[in-house]
N, C-alpha and C. Protein backbone atom coordinates (compact mmCIF):
# COMPACT_ATOMS: atom_id res chain seq x y z
N MET A 1 -3.80 30.97 -19.06
CA MET A 1 -3.89 29.94 -20.31
C MET A 1 -5.23 29.52 -20.22
N TYR A 2 -6.24 29.62 -19.03
CA TYR A 2 -7.74 29.43 -18.92
C TYR A 2 -8.42 30.19 -18.44
N GLU A 3 -9.52 30.80 -18.78
CA GLU A 3 -10.66 31.54 -17.99
C GLU A 3 -11.42 30.67 -16.93
N VAL A 4 -11.32 31.31 -16.22
CA VAL A 4 -11.66 30.82 -14.68
C VAL A 4 -13.46 31.41 -14.89
N THR A 5 -14.56 30.49 -14.48
CA THR A 5 -15.93 31.01 -14.80
C THR A 5 -16.64 29.94 -13.93
N PRO A 6 -16.24 30.67 -11.90
CA PRO A 6 -17.00 30.12 -11.00
C PRO A 6 -18.19 29.90 -10.80
N LEU A 7 -18.80 28.70 -10.70
CA LEU A 7 -20.75 28.55 -10.13
C LEU A 7 -20.47 27.94 -9.37
N LEU A 8 -21.45 29.23 -8.30
CA LEU A 8 -21.43 28.08 -7.01
C LEU A 8 -22.98 28.30 -6.42
N GLY A 9 -22.91 27.76 -6.02
CA GLY A 9 -24.80 27.26 -4.84
C GLY A 9 -25.24 27.06 -5.56
N PRO A 10 -26.56 28.17 -6.07
CA PRO A 10 -27.48 27.45 -6.70
C PRO A 10 -27.66 27.55 -7.60
N ASP A 11 -26.10 28.78 -8.63
CA ASP A 11 -25.67 28.75 -9.84
C ASP A 11 -25.27 27.35 -10.82
N ALA A 12 -24.65 26.37 -9.67
CA ALA A 12 -24.28 25.37 -10.26
C ALA A 12 -25.25 24.38 -10.40
N THR A 13 -26.09 24.45 -11.35
CA THR A 13 -26.99 23.95 -11.59
C THR A 13 -27.06 22.59 -12.94
N GLU A 14 -27.35 21.32 -12.57
CA GLU A 14 -26.99 20.14 -13.30
C GLU A 14 -27.02 20.57 -15.07
N PRO A 15 -27.73 21.51 -15.64
CA PRO A 15 -27.93 21.90 -16.76
C PRO A 15 -26.75 22.78 -16.90
N VAL A 16 -26.44 23.58 -16.60
CA VAL A 16 -25.56 24.50 -16.25
C VAL A 16 -24.17 23.80 -16.26
N VAL A 17 -23.97 23.02 -15.45
CA VAL A 17 -22.53 22.25 -15.35
C VAL A 17 -22.40 21.07 -16.47
N CYS A 18 -23.47 20.47 -16.97
CA CYS A 18 -23.34 19.75 -18.45
C CYS A 18 -22.76 20.71 -19.29
N ARG A 19 -23.84 21.78 -19.68
CA ARG A 19 -23.11 22.85 -20.40
C ARG A 19 -21.79 23.19 -20.23
N GLY A 20 -21.37 23.73 -19.45
CA GLY A 20 -19.93 24.17 -19.13
C GLY A 20 -18.98 22.42 -19.11
N LEU A 21 -19.43 21.53 -19.05
CA LEU A 21 -18.67 20.11 -19.56
C LEU A 21 -18.43 20.11 -20.98
N ALA A 22 -19.44 20.71 -21.86
CA ALA A 22 -19.76 20.52 -23.00
C ALA A 22 -18.27 21.60 -24.20
N GLY A 23 -18.32 23.10 -23.05
CA GLY A 23 -17.33 23.92 -23.71
C GLY A 23 -16.28 24.22 -23.37
N ALA A 24 -15.90 23.60 -22.24
CA ALA A 24 -14.64 24.23 -21.30
C ALA A 24 -13.19 23.35 -21.57
N GLY A 25 -12.37 23.80 -21.26
CA GLY A 25 -11.12 23.34 -21.54
C GLY A 25 -10.63 22.40 -20.25
N VAL A 26 -10.91 23.49 -19.09
CA VAL A 26 -10.66 22.61 -17.70
C VAL A 26 -11.94 22.53 -17.06
N VAL A 27 -12.54 21.55 -16.21
CA VAL A 27 -13.79 21.51 -15.41
C VAL A 27 -13.07 21.30 -14.42
N HIS A 28 -13.83 21.83 -13.31
CA HIS A 28 -13.37 21.77 -12.07
C HIS A 28 -14.41 21.85 -11.17
N ILE A 29 -15.00 20.22 -10.40
CA ILE A 29 -16.48 20.10 -9.91
C ILE A 29 -15.77 20.03 -8.50
N ALA A 30 -16.41 20.89 -7.52
CA ALA A 30 -16.02 20.63 -5.71
C ALA A 30 -17.28 20.85 -5.37
N SER A 31 -18.00 19.23 -4.73
CA SER A 31 -18.99 19.27 -4.27
C SER A 31 -19.24 17.93 -3.33
N HIS A 32 -20.09 17.42 -3.35
CA HIS A 32 -20.37 15.70 -2.67
C HIS A 32 -20.46 14.69 -3.11
N GLY A 33 -19.14 13.97 -3.51
CA GLY A 33 -19.65 12.57 -4.42
C GLY A 33 -20.24 11.02 -3.55
N PHE A 34 -21.00 10.76 -4.18
CA PHE A 34 -21.33 9.71 -3.37
C PHE A 34 -21.38 8.03 -4.24
N LYS A 35 -21.51 7.07 -3.58
CA LYS A 35 -21.87 5.52 -4.59
C LYS A 35 -22.65 4.94 -3.74
N ALA A 36 -23.41 4.13 -4.18
CA ALA A 36 -24.53 3.74 -3.51
C ALA A 36 -24.98 2.29 -4.09
N THR A 37 -25.07 1.19 -3.23
CA THR A 37 -25.33 0.05 -3.61
C THR A 37 -26.70 -0.55 -3.62
N ASN A 38 -27.14 -1.67 -4.75
CA ASN A 38 -28.58 -1.82 -4.91
C ASN A 38 -28.55 -3.22 -3.45
N ILE A 39 -29.81 -3.29 -3.71
CA ILE A 39 -30.19 -4.62 -2.41
C ILE A 39 -29.27 -5.49 -2.31
N ILE A 40 -28.78 -6.18 -3.47
CA ILE A 40 -28.18 -7.26 -3.18
C ILE A 40 -26.85 -7.10 -3.26
N GLY A 41 -26.45 -5.57 -2.88
CA GLY A 41 -24.64 -5.51 -2.37
C GLY A 41 -24.03 -4.76 -4.03
N LEU A 42 -24.64 -4.96 -4.77
CA LEU A 42 -24.04 -4.57 -6.24
C LEU A 42 -23.58 -3.33 -6.82
N PRO A 43 -22.95 -2.63 -6.89
CA PRO A 43 -22.87 -1.14 -7.55
C PRO A 43 -24.05 -1.13 -8.55
N HIS A 44 -24.75 0.18 -7.87
CA HIS A 44 -25.89 0.52 -8.75
C HIS A 44 -25.76 2.05 -8.98
N GLN A 45 -25.24 3.03 -8.27
CA GLN A 45 -25.35 4.24 -8.65
C GLN A 45 -23.80 5.07 -8.21
N GLU A 46 -23.38 6.18 -9.05
CA GLU A 46 -22.45 6.93 -8.51
C GLU A 46 -22.71 8.52 -8.85
N GLY A 47 -22.32 9.30 -8.24
CA GLY A 47 -22.37 10.89 -8.94
C GLY A 47 -21.89 11.79 -7.93
N VAL A 48 -22.37 13.14 -8.33
CA VAL A 48 -21.81 14.05 -7.58
C VAL A 48 -23.24 15.26 -7.60
N TRP A 49 -23.41 15.46 -6.35
CA TRP A 49 -24.98 16.29 -6.11
C TRP A 49 -24.12 17.95 -6.86
N LEU A 50 -25.23 18.57 -7.39
CA LEU A 50 -24.98 19.93 -7.91
C LEU A 50 -26.70 20.16 -7.18
N ALA A 51 -26.71 21.76 -7.97
CA ALA A 51 -27.63 22.23 -7.13
C ALA A 51 -29.14 22.25 -8.34
N ARG A 52 -30.22 22.35 -7.76
CA ARG A 52 -31.20 21.96 -8.83
C ARG A 52 -32.06 23.40 -8.89
N SER A 53 -32.16 23.56 -10.25
CA SER A 53 -32.59 24.72 -10.54
C SER A 53 -34.73 25.17 -9.99
N ALA A 54 -34.76 26.39 -9.61
CA ALA A 54 -36.10 26.39 -8.73
C ALA A 54 -37.02 25.81 -9.67
N SER A 55 -36.79 26.13 -11.07
CA SER A 55 -38.13 25.55 -11.87
C SER A 55 -38.11 24.36 -12.03
N ASP A 56 -36.90 23.54 -11.91
CA ASP A 56 -36.94 22.04 -11.97
C ASP A 56 -36.99 21.00 -10.98
N THR A 57 -38.71 20.58 -11.09
CA THR A 57 -39.27 19.64 -10.09
C THR A 57 -38.96 18.30 -10.44
N SER A 58 -38.41 17.59 -11.55
CA SER A 58 -37.95 16.90 -11.71
C SER A 58 -37.00 16.07 -10.54
N THR A 59 -37.31 14.51 -10.38
CA THR A 59 -36.57 14.01 -9.35
C THR A 59 -35.81 12.82 -9.67
N ILE A 60 -35.93 12.45 -10.88
CA ILE A 60 -35.11 11.65 -12.05
C ILE A 60 -34.47 12.42 -13.10
N ALA A 61 -33.42 11.61 -13.44
CA ALA A 61 -32.48 12.19 -14.24
C ALA A 61 -33.79 12.57 -15.49
N PRO A 62 -33.30 13.69 -16.72
CA PRO A 62 -32.30 14.22 -16.67
C PRO A 62 -31.71 15.57 -15.53
N HIS A 63 -32.46 16.31 -15.09
CA HIS A 63 -32.51 17.35 -14.29
C HIS A 63 -32.55 17.11 -12.94
N ASP A 64 -32.07 16.54 -12.43
CA ASP A 64 -32.57 15.96 -10.81
C ASP A 64 -31.37 16.52 -9.58
N GLY A 65 -30.30 17.17 -10.24
CA GLY A 65 -29.42 17.87 -9.63
C GLY A 65 -28.45 17.32 -9.41
N ILE A 66 -28.12 15.68 -9.61
CA ILE A 66 -27.11 14.83 -9.34
C ILE A 66 -26.55 14.63 -11.02
N LEU A 67 -25.24 14.58 -10.85
CA LEU A 67 -24.51 14.14 -12.25
C LEU A 67 -24.00 12.79 -11.78
N GLN A 68 -25.02 11.89 -12.54
CA GLN A 68 -24.51 10.44 -12.23
C GLN A 68 -23.50 9.67 -13.54
N ALA A 69 -22.66 9.04 -12.75
CA ALA A 69 -21.70 8.12 -13.87
C ALA A 69 -22.49 7.96 -15.19
N TRP A 70 -23.82 7.20 -15.40
CA TRP A 70 -24.31 7.08 -16.34
C TRP A 70 -24.47 7.49 -17.76
N GLU A 71 -24.99 9.30 -17.11
CA GLU A 71 -25.04 10.25 -17.86
C GLU A 71 -23.98 10.71 -18.66
N LEU A 72 -22.81 10.21 -18.23
CA LEU A 72 -21.80 10.85 -18.38
C LEU A 72 -21.17 10.22 -20.14
N GLY A 73 -21.32 10.23 -21.20
CA GLY A 73 -21.15 9.76 -22.54
C GLY A 73 -22.56 9.43 -23.15
N SER A 74 -23.30 9.22 -22.29
CA SER A 74 -24.63 8.80 -22.81
C SER A 74 -25.59 9.92 -22.87
N ARG A 75 -25.68 11.08 -22.30
CA ARG A 75 -26.30 12.31 -22.55
C ARG A 75 -25.41 13.58 -22.15
N VAL A 76 -24.42 13.19 -21.83
CA VAL A 76 -23.40 14.46 -21.00
C VAL A 76 -22.18 14.08 -22.31
N ARG A 77 -21.68 14.99 -23.08
CA ARG A 77 -20.28 15.20 -23.59
C ARG A 77 -19.28 16.31 -23.47
N THR A 78 -17.73 16.02 -23.49
CA THR A 78 -17.19 17.14 -23.21
C THR A 78 -16.13 17.02 -24.03
N ASN A 79 -15.48 17.98 -24.32
CA ASN A 79 -14.25 18.27 -25.11
C ASN A 79 -13.25 18.61 -24.39
N ALA A 80 -12.95 18.67 -22.63
CA ALA A 80 -12.63 18.72 -22.14
C ALA A 80 -10.83 18.08 -22.09
N ASP A 81 -9.55 19.32 -21.35
CA ASP A 81 -8.40 18.36 -21.79
C ASP A 81 -8.23 17.94 -20.44
N LEU A 82 -9.02 18.43 -19.45
CA LEU A 82 -9.27 18.29 -17.89
C LEU A 82 -10.56 18.36 -17.14
N VAL A 83 -10.83 17.23 -16.39
CA VAL A 83 -11.77 17.19 -15.24
C VAL A 83 -11.48 17.15 -14.27
N VAL A 84 -11.50 17.91 -13.17
CA VAL A 84 -10.92 17.52 -12.02
C VAL A 84 -12.54 17.24 -11.13
N TYR A 85 -12.39 16.21 -10.38
CA TYR A 85 -13.57 15.81 -9.83
C TYR A 85 -13.13 15.82 -8.10
N SER A 86 -13.54 17.27 -7.43
CA SER A 86 -12.43 17.18 -6.50
C SER A 86 -14.15 16.67 -5.23
N THR A 87 -14.43 15.71 -5.30
CA THR A 87 -15.41 15.05 -4.55
C THR A 87 -14.99 13.88 -4.03
N CYS A 88 -15.78 13.66 -3.17
CA CYS A 88 -15.35 12.26 -2.21
C CYS A 88 -15.28 11.22 -3.31
N GLU A 89 -14.36 10.14 -3.26
CA GLU A 89 -14.90 8.56 -3.73
C GLU A 89 -15.17 8.89 -5.07
N SER A 90 -14.65 9.81 -5.97
CA SER A 90 -14.96 10.17 -7.24
C SER A 90 -13.95 9.26 -8.20
N GLY A 91 -12.63 8.83 -7.60
CA GLY A 91 -12.03 7.47 -8.13
C GLY A 91 -11.82 6.53 -7.45
N ARG A 92 -13.05 5.88 -6.65
CA ARG A 92 -13.05 4.89 -6.04
C ARG A 92 -13.76 3.52 -6.72
N SER A 93 -12.88 2.98 -7.20
CA SER A 93 -13.70 1.58 -7.91
C SER A 93 -14.49 0.87 -7.24
N TRP A 94 -15.36 0.59 -8.11
CA TRP A 94 -16.22 -0.73 -6.90
C TRP A 94 -15.54 -1.93 -6.90
N TRP A 95 -14.82 -2.12 -7.96
CA TRP A 95 -13.70 -3.24 -8.16
C TRP A 95 -12.18 -3.32 -7.59
N GLY A 96 -12.09 -2.45 -6.55
CA GLY A 96 -10.25 -2.48 -6.26
C GLY A 96 -9.84 -1.63 -6.36
N ALA A 97 -9.01 -1.23 -5.77
CA ALA A 97 -8.00 -0.20 -5.74
C ALA A 97 -7.49 0.22 -7.42
N MET A 98 -6.79 -1.08 -7.79
CA MET A 98 -6.27 -0.79 -9.14
C MET A 98 -7.11 -0.43 -10.63
N ALA A 99 -8.57 -0.74 -10.40
CA ALA A 99 -9.45 -0.50 -11.28
C ALA A 99 -9.92 1.11 -11.54
N VAL A 100 -9.90 1.63 -12.42
CA VAL A 100 -10.53 2.74 -12.75
C VAL A 100 -11.81 2.85 -12.43
N SER A 101 -12.13 3.91 -11.60
CA SER A 101 -13.67 4.11 -10.97
C SER A 101 -14.63 4.19 -12.66
N GLU A 102 -15.91 3.86 -12.10
CA GLU A 102 -16.69 3.91 -13.21
C GLU A 102 -16.92 5.58 -13.92
N PHE A 103 -16.73 6.35 -12.51
CA PHE A 103 -17.21 8.27 -12.82
C PHE A 103 -15.95 8.49 -13.69
N THR A 104 -14.86 7.91 -13.81
CA THR A 104 -13.36 8.44 -14.03
C THR A 104 -13.63 7.93 -15.65
N ARG A 105 -14.12 6.49 -15.66
CA ARG A 105 -14.08 5.70 -17.23
C ARG A 105 -15.01 6.41 -18.00
N ARG A 106 -16.13 6.95 -17.30
CA ARG A 106 -17.14 7.29 -18.30
C ARG A 106 -17.08 9.01 -18.63
N THR A 107 -16.10 9.50 -17.92
CA THR A 107 -15.86 10.96 -18.24
C THR A 107 -15.04 10.61 -19.26
N LEU A 108 -14.31 9.88 -19.23
CA LEU A 108 -13.06 9.87 -19.99
C LEU A 108 -13.69 8.91 -21.69
N LEU A 109 -14.34 8.42 -21.46
CA LEU A 109 -15.57 8.13 -22.93
C LEU A 109 -16.35 9.50 -23.20
N ALA A 110 -17.00 10.23 -22.52
CA ALA A 110 -17.71 11.31 -22.98
C ALA A 110 -16.85 12.46 -23.75
N GLY A 111 -15.33 11.91 -23.35
CA GLY A 111 -14.49 12.90 -24.13
C GLY A 111 -13.29 13.52 -23.53
N ALA A 112 -13.56 13.41 -22.42
CA ALA A 112 -12.15 14.25 -21.67
C ALA A 112 -10.99 13.72 -22.07
N ARG A 113 -9.78 14.21 -21.98
CA ARG A 113 -8.55 13.54 -22.30
C ARG A 113 -8.03 13.34 -21.04
N ALA A 114 -8.32 13.92 -20.02
CA ALA A 114 -7.70 13.08 -18.40
C ALA A 114 -8.46 13.59 -17.41
N VAL A 115 -8.54 12.87 -16.20
CA VAL A 115 -9.38 13.07 -15.24
C VAL A 115 -8.68 13.39 -14.03
N LEU A 116 -8.48 14.13 -12.67
CA LEU A 116 -8.34 13.98 -11.48
C LEU A 116 -8.90 13.32 -10.56
N SER A 117 -9.41 12.31 -9.95
CA SER A 117 -10.41 12.14 -8.86
C SER A 117 -10.06 12.05 -7.33
N ALA A 118 -10.61 11.66 -6.79
CA ALA A 118 -10.29 11.33 -5.32
C ALA A 118 -10.84 10.01 -5.35
N GLN A 119 -9.65 9.27 -4.40
CA GLN A 119 -10.37 7.38 -4.56
C GLN A 119 -10.53 7.49 -2.70
N TRP A 120 -11.07 8.30 -1.90
CA TRP A 120 -11.25 8.34 -1.00
C TRP A 120 -12.28 9.34 -0.48
N PRO A 121 -12.96 9.40 0.54
CA PRO A 121 -13.29 10.65 1.54
C PRO A 121 -12.11 11.77 1.59
N ILE A 122 -12.51 13.15 1.13
CA ILE A 122 -11.48 13.91 1.42
C ILE A 122 -11.89 15.17 2.34
N SER A 123 -10.71 15.56 2.73
CA SER A 123 -11.31 17.03 3.41
C SER A 123 -11.10 18.09 2.74
N ASP A 124 -12.42 19.05 2.66
CA ASP A 124 -12.49 20.33 2.21
C ASP A 124 -11.13 21.54 2.75
N GLU A 125 -10.75 21.42 4.07
CA GLU A 125 -9.97 21.95 3.97
C GLU A 125 -8.58 22.00 3.90
N GLY A 126 -7.86 19.84 4.20
CA GLY A 126 -7.09 19.78 3.19
C GLY A 126 -7.13 19.86 1.62
N THR A 127 -8.21 20.19 1.05
CA THR A 127 -8.19 19.65 -0.22
C THR A 127 -7.94 21.43 -0.66
N THR A 128 -8.39 22.43 -0.45
CA THR A 128 -8.37 23.61 -0.88
C THR A 128 -7.00 23.80 -1.16
N PRO A 129 -5.68 23.94 -0.69
CA PRO A 129 -4.50 24.31 -0.80
C PRO A 129 -4.26 23.32 -1.96
N PHE A 130 -4.32 22.00 -1.57
CA PHE A 130 -3.62 21.17 -3.17
C PHE A 130 -4.29 21.51 -4.12
N MET A 131 -5.59 22.06 -4.40
CA MET A 131 -6.09 22.48 -5.64
C MET A 131 -5.79 23.50 -6.09
N ILE A 132 -5.74 24.79 -5.11
CA ILE A 132 -4.92 25.55 -5.53
C ILE A 132 -3.37 25.62 -5.90
N THR A 133 -2.94 25.19 -5.88
CA THR A 133 -1.57 24.80 -6.26
C THR A 133 -1.21 23.75 -7.39
N PHE A 134 -2.13 23.26 -7.47
CA PHE A 134 -2.49 21.98 -8.81
C PHE A 134 -2.76 23.36 -9.87
N HIS A 135 -3.75 24.07 -9.71
CA HIS A 135 -4.57 24.71 -11.00
C HIS A 135 -3.06 25.97 -10.94
N THR A 136 -2.49 26.29 -10.09
CA THR A 136 -1.50 27.20 -10.47
C THR A 136 -0.27 26.42 -11.22
N SER A 137 -0.34 25.25 -10.86
CA SER A 137 0.99 24.80 -11.95
C SER A 137 0.16 24.72 -13.05
N LEU A 138 -1.00 24.57 -13.35
CA LEU A 138 -1.08 24.07 -14.86
C LEU A 138 -1.34 25.42 -15.54
N ARG A 139 -1.51 26.46 -15.08
CA ARG A 139 -1.43 27.64 -15.48
C ARG A 139 -0.66 28.45 -16.29
N ALA A 140 0.28 27.70 -14.92
CA ALA A 140 1.96 28.33 -15.27
C ALA A 140 2.80 27.47 -16.64
N GLY A 141 2.17 26.08 -16.68
CA GLY A 141 2.00 25.70 -18.22
C GLY A 141 2.74 24.42 -17.69
N ALA A 142 3.05 23.50 -16.29
CA ALA A 142 3.23 22.31 -16.32
C ALA A 142 2.23 21.54 -16.64
N ALA A 143 2.66 20.21 -17.21
CA ALA A 143 2.11 18.95 -17.38
C ALA A 143 0.95 18.70 -16.46
N LYS A 144 0.33 18.31 -16.75
CA LYS A 144 -1.01 17.97 -15.41
C LYS A 144 -0.04 17.04 -14.44
N ASP A 145 0.33 16.06 -14.97
CA ASP A 145 1.13 14.90 -14.32
C ASP A 145 2.09 15.63 -13.19
N GLU A 146 2.53 16.56 -13.83
CA GLU A 146 3.94 17.82 -12.83
C GLU A 146 2.87 18.71 -12.09
N ALA A 147 1.69 19.15 -12.66
CA ALA A 147 1.10 19.80 -11.46
C ALA A 147 0.65 19.10 -10.35
N LEU A 148 0.30 17.63 -10.36
CA LEU A 148 -0.46 16.92 -9.62
C LEU A 148 1.31 16.46 -8.69
N ARG A 149 2.09 16.70 -9.12
CA ARG A 149 3.21 16.25 -7.78
C ARG A 149 3.71 17.44 -7.35
N ASP A 150 3.81 18.65 -8.06
CA ASP A 150 3.46 19.93 -7.51
C ASP A 150 2.75 20.07 -6.31
N ALA A 151 1.38 19.71 -6.32
CA ALA A 151 0.44 19.70 -5.24
C ALA A 151 0.69 18.98 -4.34
N ILE A 152 1.40 17.45 -4.62
CA ILE A 152 1.71 16.96 -3.58
C ILE A 152 2.97 17.33 -2.64
N ALA A 153 4.07 17.88 -3.73
CA ALA A 153 5.14 18.62 -2.59
C ALA A 153 4.52 19.49 -1.69
N ALA A 154 4.14 19.90 -2.46
CA ALA A 154 3.33 21.66 -1.27
C ALA A 154 2.90 20.72 -0.40
N GLN A 155 2.12 20.12 -0.25
CA GLN A 155 1.02 18.96 1.22
C GLN A 155 2.25 18.76 2.22
N LEU A 156 2.90 18.06 1.41
CA LEU A 156 4.03 17.28 2.37
C LEU A 156 5.33 18.53 3.11
N THR A 157 4.93 19.92 2.55
CA THR A 157 5.68 21.25 3.18
C THR A 157 4.74 21.54 4.71
N HIS A 158 3.64 21.16 4.21
CA HIS A 158 2.23 22.07 4.83
C HIS A 158 1.76 20.97 6.37
N PRO A 159 2.59 21.28 7.80
CA PRO A 159 2.82 20.35 8.77
C PRO A 159 1.07 19.99 8.74
N ARG A 160 0.12 20.83 8.53
CA ARG A 160 -1.60 20.19 8.88
C ARG A 160 -1.84 19.23 8.35
N PHE A 161 -1.51 19.78 6.32
CA PHE A 161 -1.82 18.41 5.63
C PHE A 161 -0.59 17.40 4.46
N ALA A 162 0.46 17.52 5.71
CA ALA A 162 1.21 16.27 5.13
C ALA A 162 0.77 14.69 5.13
N HIS A 163 -0.28 14.28 6.11
CA HIS A 163 -0.32 13.09 5.83
C HIS A 163 -0.83 12.64 4.91
N PRO A 164 -0.52 11.32 4.04
CA PRO A 164 -1.03 10.78 2.94
C PRO A 164 -2.40 10.95 2.88
N PHE A 165 -3.53 11.10 4.18
CA PHE A 165 -4.51 11.43 4.02
C PHE A 165 -5.11 12.65 3.27
N TYR A 166 -4.17 13.74 3.12
CA TYR A 166 -4.64 15.00 2.24
C TYR A 166 -3.99 14.74 0.74
N TRP A 167 -3.59 13.90 0.32
CA TRP A 167 -2.51 14.00 -0.88
C TRP A 167 -2.64 12.51 -1.84
N ALA A 168 -2.45 11.36 -1.20
CA ALA A 168 -2.44 10.14 -1.75
C ALA A 168 -3.56 9.68 -2.49
N GLY A 169 -4.76 10.30 -1.97
CA GLY A 169 -6.18 9.58 -2.73
C GLY A 169 -5.97 9.95 -4.17
N PHE A 170 -5.65 11.22 -4.52
CA PHE A 170 -6.20 11.71 -5.75
C PHE A 170 -5.43 11.08 -6.67
N ARG A 171 -5.70 10.52 -7.92
CA ARG A 171 -5.56 9.86 -9.32
C ARG A 171 -5.73 10.41 -10.30
N LEU A 172 -4.77 10.59 -11.18
CA LEU A 172 -5.04 11.52 -12.04
C LEU A 172 -4.68 10.19 -13.66
N THR A 173 -5.36 10.07 -14.37
CA THR A 173 -6.15 9.01 -15.34
C THR A 173 -6.37 9.86 -16.80
N GLY A 174 -5.36 9.33 -17.39
CA GLY A 174 -5.67 9.70 -18.86
C GLY A 174 -3.94 10.95 -19.88
N ASP A 175 -4.65 11.47 -20.43
CA ASP A 175 -3.36 12.55 -21.26
C ASP A 175 -2.51 12.79 -20.06
N MET A 176 -1.42 13.30 -19.71
CA MET A 176 -0.77 13.86 -18.65
C MET A 176 0.02 15.39 -19.64
N GLU A 177 -0.34 15.46 -20.68
CA GLU A 177 0.27 16.57 -21.44
C GLU A 177 -0.03 17.73 -20.77
N PRO A 178 0.44 18.93 -20.96
CA PRO A 178 0.23 20.36 -20.52
C PRO A 178 -1.33 20.56 -21.42
N LEU A 179 -2.20 21.50 -20.75
CA LEU A 179 -3.37 22.10 -21.58
C LEU A 179 -3.05 22.22 -23.03
N SER A 180 -3.92 22.31 -23.35
CA SER A 180 -4.14 22.48 -24.92
C SER A 180 -4.45 23.79 -25.16
N ARG A 181 -5.06 24.32 -24.03
CA ARG A 181 -6.11 25.73 -24.38
C ARG A 181 -5.84 26.77 -23.66
């Protein structure tokens, strides 16, 4: 249903990933996410680490190797059916468990129809089979929420990854329909 073009290591630079966000039907970013507060403890920055290109010497946006929430919608647009942030805390809101994270909100405002993100730190080892099942279900034609359910069900049958830490933190926000392309 969708073509896979992996960007690994130094190939996953911020400009390349941003172009991918603009044109891909499904975007999956597996990286390190972060949240930072300012001096008085108020929300300040959140983003995901990407590779820096060898020719880029900038230490500030737009090509600092970090895709930050504020860049989504203002500098980066997308038409993706689904953006998956397989990154720690990309779905954690500054304002509590029931609120949508700024990263998710900005991705939806940038044009994505749905976002899958993690509300807490995630395990690479446990997230890998989760995401494989999720994407396999999507490719088979399942709706986004059904693919999430399939991934959770598969985790529950795996003795090492049945604990809620490995699956309960993933939140799907937006359109739940099957992929349109």
